[in-house]
Amino acid sequence: MEQKIIYLDNAAGSFPKPESVYTAVDKAMREKGGNPGRSGHRLSLAAGRIVDEARLLCARLFKTPSPENIIFTNNTTTALNMAIKGLVETGDHIISSSLEHNSVSRPLHYLENTGIEVTKLPTDLNCGLSVDDIKSALRPNTKLLVCTHISNVTGTVNDISSIGTFCREKGILLLVDAAQSAGSRQIDPGCIDMLAFPGHKGLFGPQGTGGLYIRPGLELKTIIQGGTGSSSELLSQPVSLPGKFESGTLNTPGLAGLAAGIAFILEKGIEEIEQRETYLINKLIEGINKIDGIGLIGPGINQARGSLVSICIKNKSPADAALFMDSAFNIAVRSGLHCSSDAHRSIGTLDKGGTIRISPNYLNSEDDIDICLDALKFLTGS
């Protein structure tokens, strides 16, 4: 009988999912297989109700004023590209941080070649972006600040409320990458202009789901045009939301699973999920601190952080260590650069193979953490 896999790679994608997610996806595929918004028959209408429910649940979870301002995408990367490229124009200035995922860093690099100015601010690994540093970076043409809520490499938490309040005072728009916080941490939409989120991580949905919240009244250009199921007589893109930004057929089975995942979160409560994940991550850090030969990167025990840790093991490459944990202990973790060259450049691991990232979530057990610590002790000879 195959040994159970201890999955500690939830920062890349949550696994396993709540049983209700699997059931919802299967039922959508088998019983509600029409194209949402494209026909008037019962299967199309049933698919449309799936999309509506997912949108309503997203709005409820993020406490946003209007479900129509939730735009569904196939992942956070698409949402971030839609937000950034749909907003800025040649001559604008964007402020970002040194800990961004490539889904922010690469679009910004691309835009620098089109006449848009970019400033990347050094970020304190324990405290996150400094409002004073943001203030010092302001220019007359500063239009947007884009930053992660929680770093996917170090677990560093940015104080989005303080940053958002400052941005509002200065007339700067704020775009937040919630890839590591949506579903497991409180997010205040009142200080955010745009929020990009994944379905397949903290929201427990399937891969191929995600979205973008756009504050009511904020106008963005579309970067994709096409069929929306509405205003089909026009050659121009519809102007109403969400159709303006949802060209092409949506991933209806995926959104059924996303809705089930969010329903699970709402039933448990964000507070309970955050408390559980905080307990597990502190247990992990406490154990790591007792093992010689392991360097912990980012906030320490009982400091604000996301539910992930990056470590380096003395005399062990991250790739070899992760492979050993998988093959010898059936533990799934991630090694390498985690799609974030800026973050690894900031912490000095870009040319060293990156780090080992361990990321438990709400569904992990204390035993999972204990076995992981045993594996780390074996790796270091402790």
Protein backbone atom coordinates (compact mmCIF):
# COMPACT_ATOMS: atom_id res chain seq x y z
CA MET A 1 0.00 0.00 0.00
CA GLU A 2 1.43 3.36 -1.03
CA GLN A 3 2.38 5.64 1.84
CA LYS A 4 0.36 8.84 2.26
CA ILE A 5 2.00 11.93 0.80
CA ILE A 6 2.49 14.73 3.30
CA TYR A 7 1.72 17.75 1.18
CA LEU A 8 3.49 20.92 2.33
CA ASP A 9 3.50 22.86 -0.94
CA ASN A 10 0.26 24.78 -0.48
CA ALA A 11 1.85 28.07 -1.48
CA ALA A 12 1.98 26.63 -5.01
CA GLY A 13 -1.49 25.13 -4.85
CA SER A 14 -3.63 23.64 -2.09
CA PHE A 15 -3.97 19.89 -1.85
CA PRO A 16 -6.02 17.99 -0.94
CA LYS A 17 -9.21 19.99 -1.43
CA PRO A 18 -12.34 19.77 0.73
CA GLU A 19 -14.49 16.89 -0.51
CA SER A 20 -17.23 19.34 -1.46
CA VAL A 21 -14.92 20.84 -4.11
CA TYR A 22 -14.47 17.51 -5.92
CA THR A 23 -18.22 16.87 -5.75
CA ALA A 24 -19.08 20.30 -7.17
CA VAL A 25 -16.68 19.98 -10.11
CA ASP A 26 -17.95 16.50 -10.96
CA LYS A 27 -21.59 17.56 -10.75
CA ALA A 28 -20.97 20.60 -12.97
CA MET A 29 -19.29 18.43 -15.60
CA ARG A 30 -21.95 15.73 -15.54
CA GLU A 31 -25.17 17.68 -15.01
CA LYS A 32 -24.61 21.35 -15.93
CA GLY A 33 -22.41 21.23 -18.98
CA GLY A 34 -23.89 24.12 -20.97
CA ASN A 35 -22.01 27.28 -21.90
CA PRO A 36 -22.92 30.01 -19.37
CA GLY A 37 -24.62 33.06 -20.84
CA ARG A 38 -24.51 31.73 -24.40
CA SER A 39 -27.90 29.98 -24.73
CA GLY A 40 -31.38 29.92 -23.25
CA HIS A 41 -31.72 26.20 -22.59
CA ARG A 42 -31.67 24.72 -19.10
CA LEU A 43 -28.07 23.49 -19.20
CA SER A 44 -26.75 26.90 -20.17
CA LEU A 45 -28.88 28.56 -17.49
CA ALA A 46 -27.65 26.07 -14.90
CA ALA A 47 -24.05 26.84 -15.85
CA GLY A 48 -24.81 30.54 -15.57
CA ARG A 49 -26.10 30.04 -12.05
CA ILE A 50 -22.79 28.39 -11.13
CA VAL A 51 -20.92 31.48 -12.31
CA ASP A 52 -23.32 33.80 -10.47
CA GLU A 53 -22.95 31.85 -7.24
CA ALA A 54 -19.15 31.88 -7.45
CA ARG A 55 -19.19 35.65 -8.04
CA LEU A 56 -21.52 36.25 -5.11
CA LEU A 57 -19.39 34.12 -2.79
CA CYS A 58 -16.23 35.95 -3.85
CA ALA A 59 -17.90 39.27 -3.12
CA ARG A 60 -19.04 37.99 0.26
CA LEU A 61 -15.60 36.68 1.17
CA PHE A 62 -13.76 39.85 0.16
CA LYS A 63 -16.55 42.09 1.50
CA THR A 64 -16.76 43.97 -1.79
CA PRO A 65 -19.79 46.19 -2.48
CA SER A 66 -20.75 44.76 -5.87
CA PRO A 67 -20.43 41.19 -7.23
CA GLU A 68 -20.24 42.60 -10.78
CA ASN A 69 -16.83 44.05 -9.90
CA ILE A 70 -15.43 40.54 -9.44
CA ILE A 71 -13.87 39.56 -12.78
CA PHE A 72 -13.04 35.88 -13.28
CA THR A 73 -9.74 34.93 -14.89
CA ASN A 74 -7.79 31.70 -15.28
CA ASN A 75 -5.19 32.66 -12.64
CA THR A 76 -3.66 35.54 -10.65
CA THR A 77 -1.07 36.26 -13.35
CA THR A 78 -3.77 37.07 -15.90
CA ALA A 79 -5.55 39.25 -13.35
CA LEU A 80 -2.37 41.20 -12.57
CA ASN A 81 -1.61 41.74 -16.25
CA MET A 82 -5.17 42.94 -16.86
CA ALA A 83 -4.94 45.39 -13.98
CA ILE A 84 -1.47 46.79 -14.67
CA LYS A 85 -1.65 47.00 -18.46
CA GLY A 86 -5.26 48.13 -18.42
CA LEU A 87 -4.44 51.08 -16.18
CA VAL A 88 -1.07 52.65 -16.97
CA GLU A 89 0.02 54.58 -20.03
CA THR A 90 3.31 55.80 -21.45
CA GLY A 91 4.83 58.36 -19.09
CA ASP A 92 3.27 56.93 -15.92
CA HIS A 93 5.31 55.86 -12.88
CA ILE A 94 4.72 52.61 -10.95
CA ILE A 95 6.06 51.79 -7.49
CA SER A 96 6.57 48.16 -6.47
CA SER A 97 8.64 46.13 -4.00
CA SER A 98 11.74 43.95 -4.05
CA LEU A 99 9.76 40.83 -3.08
CA GLU A 100 7.36 40.56 -5.99
CA HIS A 101 6.44 37.40 -7.87
CA ASN A 102 7.34 37.27 -11.57
CA SER A 103 3.65 37.82 -12.33
CA VAL A 104 4.30 41.42 -11.28
CA SER A 105 8.02 41.77 -12.03
CA ARG A 106 7.82 40.58 -15.63
CA PRO A 107 4.92 42.83 -16.70
CA LEU A 108 6.72 45.77 -15.08
CA HIS A 109 9.95 44.89 -16.89
CA TYR A 110 8.01 44.69 -20.16
CA LEU A 111 6.38 48.06 -19.54
CA GLU A 112 9.71 49.73 -18.78
CA ASN A 113 10.54 49.15 -22.44
CA THR A 114 7.40 51.05 -23.49
CA GLY A 115 8.15 54.31 -21.70
CA ILE A 116 6.70 53.55 -18.27
CA GLU A 117 8.86 54.27 -15.22
CA VAL A 118 9.22 51.67 -12.45
CA THR A 119 10.67 51.96 -8.95
CA LYS A 120 11.27 48.81 -6.88
CA LEU A 121 11.61 49.57 -3.20
CA PRO A 122 13.79 47.48 -0.86
CA THR A 123 11.52 45.60 1.52
CA ASP A 124 12.18 44.75 5.17
CA LEU A 125 11.79 40.97 5.55
CA ASN A 126 10.16 41.33 8.96
CA CYS A 127 8.02 44.44 8.53
CA GLY A 128 7.34 44.67 4.81
CA LEU A 129 7.12 47.81 2.70
CA SER A 130 7.68 51.09 4.54
CA VAL A 131 5.19 53.89 4.01
CA ASP A 132 8.07 56.35 4.48
CA ASP A 133 9.96 54.67 1.64
CA ILE A 134 6.86 54.83 -0.55
CA LYS A 135 6.54 58.53 0.25
CA SER A 136 10.17 59.14 -0.71
CA ALA A 137 9.66 57.34 -4.04
CA LEU A 138 6.69 59.45 -5.14
CA ARG A 139 6.95 61.41 -8.37
CA PRO A 140 4.50 63.79 -10.01
CA ASN A 141 3.63 61.03 -12.49
CA THR A 142 3.20 58.21 -9.94
CA LYS A 143 -0.05 56.46 -10.82
CA LEU A 144 0.08 52.98 -9.30
CA LEU A 145 1.56 51.05 -6.42
CA VAL A 146 1.48 47.29 -6.91
CA CYS A 147 2.62 44.91 -4.19
CA THR A 148 2.11 41.46 -2.81
CA HIS A 149 0.11 41.07 0.38
CA ILE A 150 2.33 38.19 1.52
CA SER A 151 5.63 37.27 -0.12
CA ASN A 152 5.57 33.81 -1.67
CA VAL A 153 9.28 33.38 -0.80
CA THR A 154 9.81 34.87 2.66
CA GLY A 155 6.28 35.01 4.08
CA THR A 156 6.74 38.75 4.73
CA VAL A 157 3.43 40.55 5.28
CA ASN A 158 2.82 44.01 3.88
CA ASP A 159 0.52 46.23 5.95
CA ILE A 160 -2.03 46.75 3.21
CA SER A 161 -4.31 48.92 5.36
CA SER A 162 -1.58 51.46 6.12
CA ILE A 163 -0.25 51.38 2.57
CA GLY A 164 -3.74 51.74 1.14
CA THR A 165 -4.63 54.64 3.42
CA PHE A 166 -1.46 56.45 2.35
CA CYS A 167 -2.17 55.80 -1.33
CA ARG A 168 -5.69 57.19 -1.02
CA GLU A 169 -4.35 60.34 0.64
CA LYS A 170 -1.87 60.83 -2.22
CA GLY A 171 -4.23 59.93 -5.05
CA ILE A 172 -2.29 56.80 -6.03
CA LEU A 173 -4.02 53.59 -7.05
CA LEU A 174 -3.22 50.38 -5.15
CA LEU A 175 -3.15 46.92 -6.73
CA VAL A 176 -2.65 44.01 -4.33
CA ASP A 177 -1.43 40.53 -5.26
CA ALA A 178 -3.33 38.29 -2.84
CA ALA A 179 -1.92 35.01 -4.14
CA GLN A 180 -0.73 33.98 -0.65
CA SER A 181 -3.45 35.58 1.46
CA ALA A 182 -6.83 35.14 -0.22
CA GLY A 183 -8.86 32.72 1.87
CA SER A 184 -6.54 32.58 4.86
CA ARG A 185 -6.02 36.20 5.93
CA GLN A 186 -8.34 39.15 6.43
CA ILE A 187 -8.28 41.58 3.51
CA ASP A 188 -9.73 45.07 3.85
CA PRO A 189 -11.22 46.04 0.47
CA GLY A 190 -11.86 49.59 1.63
CA CYS A 191 -8.26 50.62 1.03
CA ILE A 192 -7.67 48.62 -2.17
CA ASP A 193 -8.42 49.68 -5.73
CA MET A 194 -7.72 46.30 -7.33
CA LEU A 195 -7.18 42.86 -5.85
CA ALA A 196 -5.81 39.90 -7.85
CA PHE A 197 -6.46 36.45 -6.39
CA PRO A 198 -5.99 32.76 -7.28
CA GLY A 199 -8.62 30.08 -6.97
CA HIS A 200 -6.28 27.13 -6.55
CA LYS A 201 -4.42 28.15 -3.38
CA GLY A 202 -6.08 29.44 -0.20
CA LEU A 203 -9.56 29.38 -1.74
CA PHE A 204 -9.31 25.57 -2.23
CA GLY A 205 -10.58 25.78 -5.81
CA PRO A 206 -9.25 23.97 -8.91
CA GLN A 207 -6.34 25.14 -11.00
CA GLY A 208 -7.36 27.42 -13.86
CA THR A 209 -9.43 29.72 -11.66
CA GLY A 210 -8.78 33.18 -10.26
CA GLY A 211 -10.00 36.71 -10.45
CA LEU A 212 -9.62 40.45 -10.22
CA TYR A 213 -11.63 42.79 -8.03
CA ILE A 214 -11.94 46.29 -9.50
CA ARG A 215 -13.16 49.08 -7.26
CA PRO A 216 -16.48 50.56 -8.46
CA GLY A 217 -15.87 53.64 -10.57
CA LEU A 218 -12.34 52.68 -11.61
CA GLU A 219 -11.98 52.46 -15.38
CA LEU A 220 -9.52 50.05 -17.03
CA LYS A 221 -8.75 49.39 -20.66
CA THR A 222 -9.32 45.86 -21.88
CA ILE A 223 -6.31 43.87 -23.03
CA ILE A 224 -8.47 41.06 -24.45
CA GLN A 225 -11.56 41.48 -26.60
CA GLY A 226 -13.99 38.88 -27.82
CA GLY A 227 -17.23 37.05 -27.24
CA THR A 228 -18.96 37.78 -23.94
CA GLY A 229 -22.46 36.44 -24.53
CA SER A 230 -23.79 40.01 -24.43
CA SER A 231 -24.10 42.88 -26.95
CA SER A 232 -23.19 40.44 -29.72
CA GLU A 233 -24.44 42.85 -32.38
CA LEU A 234 -21.58 45.26 -31.56
CA LEU A 235 -18.02 45.10 -32.86
CA SER A 236 -16.87 47.06 -29.84
CA GLN A 237 -16.36 45.45 -26.46
CA PRO A 238 -19.27 45.78 -23.98
CA VAL A 239 -18.69 48.47 -21.35
CA SER A 240 -20.62 46.92 -18.46
CA LEU A 241 -19.05 44.65 -15.86
CA PRO A 242 -18.21 41.85 -15.60
CA GLY A 243 -18.66 41.16 -19.32
CA LYS A 244 -16.22 43.88 -20.38
CA PHE A 245 -13.33 41.81 -19.00
CA GLU A 246 -14.63 38.26 -19.42
CA SER A 247 -14.17 37.49 -23.10
CA GLY A 248 -14.43 33.82 -24.00
CA THR A 249 -16.02 30.88 -22.22
CA LEU A 250 -15.43 30.76 -18.49
CA ASN A 251 -14.16 27.67 -16.67
CA THR A 252 -17.57 26.71 -15.31
CA PRO A 253 -16.57 23.42 -13.61
CA GLY A 254 -13.61 25.22 -12.08
CA LEU A 255 -15.84 27.99 -10.79
CA ALA A 256 -18.20 25.38 -9.31
CA GLY A 257 -15.24 24.04 -7.37
CA LEU A 258 -14.15 27.56 -6.43
CA ALA A 259 -17.61 28.32 -5.07
CA ALA A 260 -17.49 25.15 -2.97
CA GLY A 261 -14.03 26.06 -1.68
CA ILE A 262 -15.15 29.54 -0.66
CA ALA A 263 -18.28 28.11 0.99
CA PHE A 264 -15.97 25.86 3.04
CA ILE A 265 -13.92 28.92 4.10
CA LEU A 266 -17.00 30.93 5.03
CA GLU A 267 -18.29 28.02 7.10
CA LYS A 268 -15.02 27.67 9.01
CA GLY A 269 -14.32 31.40 9.20
CA ILE A 270 -11.17 33.29 8.17
CA GLU A 271 -10.23 33.75 11.84
CA GLU A 272 -10.20 30.00 12.52
CA ILE A 273 -8.19 29.29 9.36
CA GLU A 274 -5.62 31.98 10.16
CA GLN A 275 -5.26 30.80 13.75
CA ARG A 276 -4.75 27.20 12.66
CA GLU A 277 -2.19 28.09 10.02
CA THR A 278 -0.36 30.42 12.41
CA TYR A 279 -0.15 27.65 14.98
CA LEU A 280 1.27 25.18 12.46
CA ILE A 281 3.80 27.63 11.03
CA ASN A 282 5.02 28.63 14.49
CA LYS A 283 5.37 24.96 15.42
CA LEU A 284 7.42 24.46 12.26
CA ILE A 285 9.65 27.49 12.92
CA GLU A 286 10.16 26.51 16.55
CA GLY A 287 11.35 23.09 15.44
CA ILE A 288 13.59 24.49 12.69
CA ASN A 289 15.25 26.84 15.18
CA LYS A 290 16.40 23.79 17.17
CA ILE A 291 18.12 22.15 14.20
CA ASP A 292 21.74 23.05 13.52
CA GLY A 293 22.68 23.77 9.92
CA ILE A 294 19.38 25.31 8.81
CA GLY A 295 18.98 29.00 8.04
CA LEU A 296 15.49 30.47 8.27
CA ILE A 297 14.71 33.39 5.96
CA GLY A 298 12.05 35.93 6.85
CA PRO A 299 10.03 36.65 10.00
CA GLY A 300 10.71 34.50 13.06
CA ILE A 301 8.41 32.73 15.48
CA ASN A 302 5.31 34.65 16.59
CA GLN A 303 5.97 37.41 14.05
CA ALA A 304 3.42 38.31 11.41
CA ARG A 305 4.00 36.09 8.38
CA GLY A 306 2.20 34.02 5.83
CA SER A 307 1.86 30.25 6.15
CA LEU A 308 5.17 29.43 4.49
CA VAL A 309 8.84 29.35 5.39
CA SER A 310 11.95 29.43 3.24
CA ILE A 311 15.06 27.69 4.52
CA CYS A 312 18.58 26.91 3.40
CA ILE A 313 20.36 23.76 4.60
CA LYS A 314 24.12 23.89 5.03
CA ASN A 315 26.00 21.83 2.42
CA LYS A 316 22.76 20.72 0.74
CA SER A 317 21.35 22.14 -2.47
CA PRO A 318 17.65 23.01 -2.23
CA ALA A 319 16.86 20.71 -5.16
CA ASP A 320 18.66 17.71 -3.63
CA ALA A 321 17.09 18.28 -0.22
CA ALA A 322 13.57 18.54 -1.63
CA LEU A 323 14.07 15.45 -3.77
CA PHE A 324 15.25 13.51 -0.73
CA MET A 325 12.26 14.64 1.35
CA ASP A 326 9.96 13.43 -1.41
CA SER A 327 11.62 10.09 -2.10
CA ALA A 328 12.57 9.12 1.46
CA PHE A 329 9.82 10.71 3.55
CA ASN A 330 6.95 11.22 1.08
CA ILE A 331 6.96 14.94 1.88
CA ALA A 332 6.12 17.39 -0.90
CA VAL A 333 7.89 20.75 -0.61
CA ARG A 334 9.16 23.16 -3.24
CA SER A 335 12.74 24.04 -4.02
CA GLY A 336 14.22 26.64 -6.35
CA LEU A 337 13.38 30.25 -7.15
CA HIS A 338 9.59 30.03 -6.75
CA CYS A 339 8.96 32.18 -9.84
CA SER A 340 10.35 35.21 -8.00
CA SER A 341 13.75 36.38 -9.19
CA ASP A 342 13.43 39.76 -7.44
CA ALA A 343 12.78 38.16 -4.06
CA HIS A 344 15.72 35.76 -4.34
CA ARG A 345 17.97 38.55 -5.56
CA SER A 346 16.96 40.49 -2.44
CA ILE A 347 17.76 37.68 -0.02
CA GLY A 348 20.95 36.57 -1.79
CA THR A 349 19.83 33.16 -3.01
CA LEU A 350 19.35 33.84 -6.73
CA ASP A 351 22.66 32.21 -7.66
CA LYS A 352 22.52 29.52 -4.97
CA GLY A 353 19.64 27.45 -6.23
CA GLY A 354 17.04 29.37 -4.27
CA THR A 355 15.56 27.94 -1.09
CA ILE A 356 13.42 25.12 0.20
CA ARG A 357 9.89 26.38 0.80
CA ILE A 358 7.59 24.59 3.24
CA SER A 359 3.97 25.74 3.23
CA PRO A 360 1.31 24.05 5.39
CA ASN A 361 -2.32 25.08 5.32
CA TYR A 362 -5.50 24.64 7.35
CA LEU A 363 -5.93 20.99 6.36
CA ASN A 364 -2.47 19.89 7.50
CA SER A 365 -1.98 18.16 10.84
CA GLU A 366 0.52 18.54 13.67
CA ASP A 367 1.84 15.10 12.74
CA ASP A 368 2.66 16.44 9.26
CA ILE A 369 4.85 19.10 10.85
CA ASP A 370 6.53 16.61 13.19
CA ILE A 371 7.41 14.27 10.33
CA CYS A 372 8.73 17.20 8.30
CA LEU A 373 10.98 18.21 11.21
CA ASP A 374 12.21 14.61 11.51
CA ALA A 375 13.15 14.69 7.83
CA LEU A 376 15.02 17.97 8.27
CA LYS A 377 16.92 16.54 11.25
CA PHE A 378 17.91 13.52 9.16
CA LEU A 379 19.07 15.79 6.34
CA THR A 380 21.30 17.80 8.64
CA GLY A 381 22.53 14.83 10.67
CA SER A 382 21.04 16.31 13.86
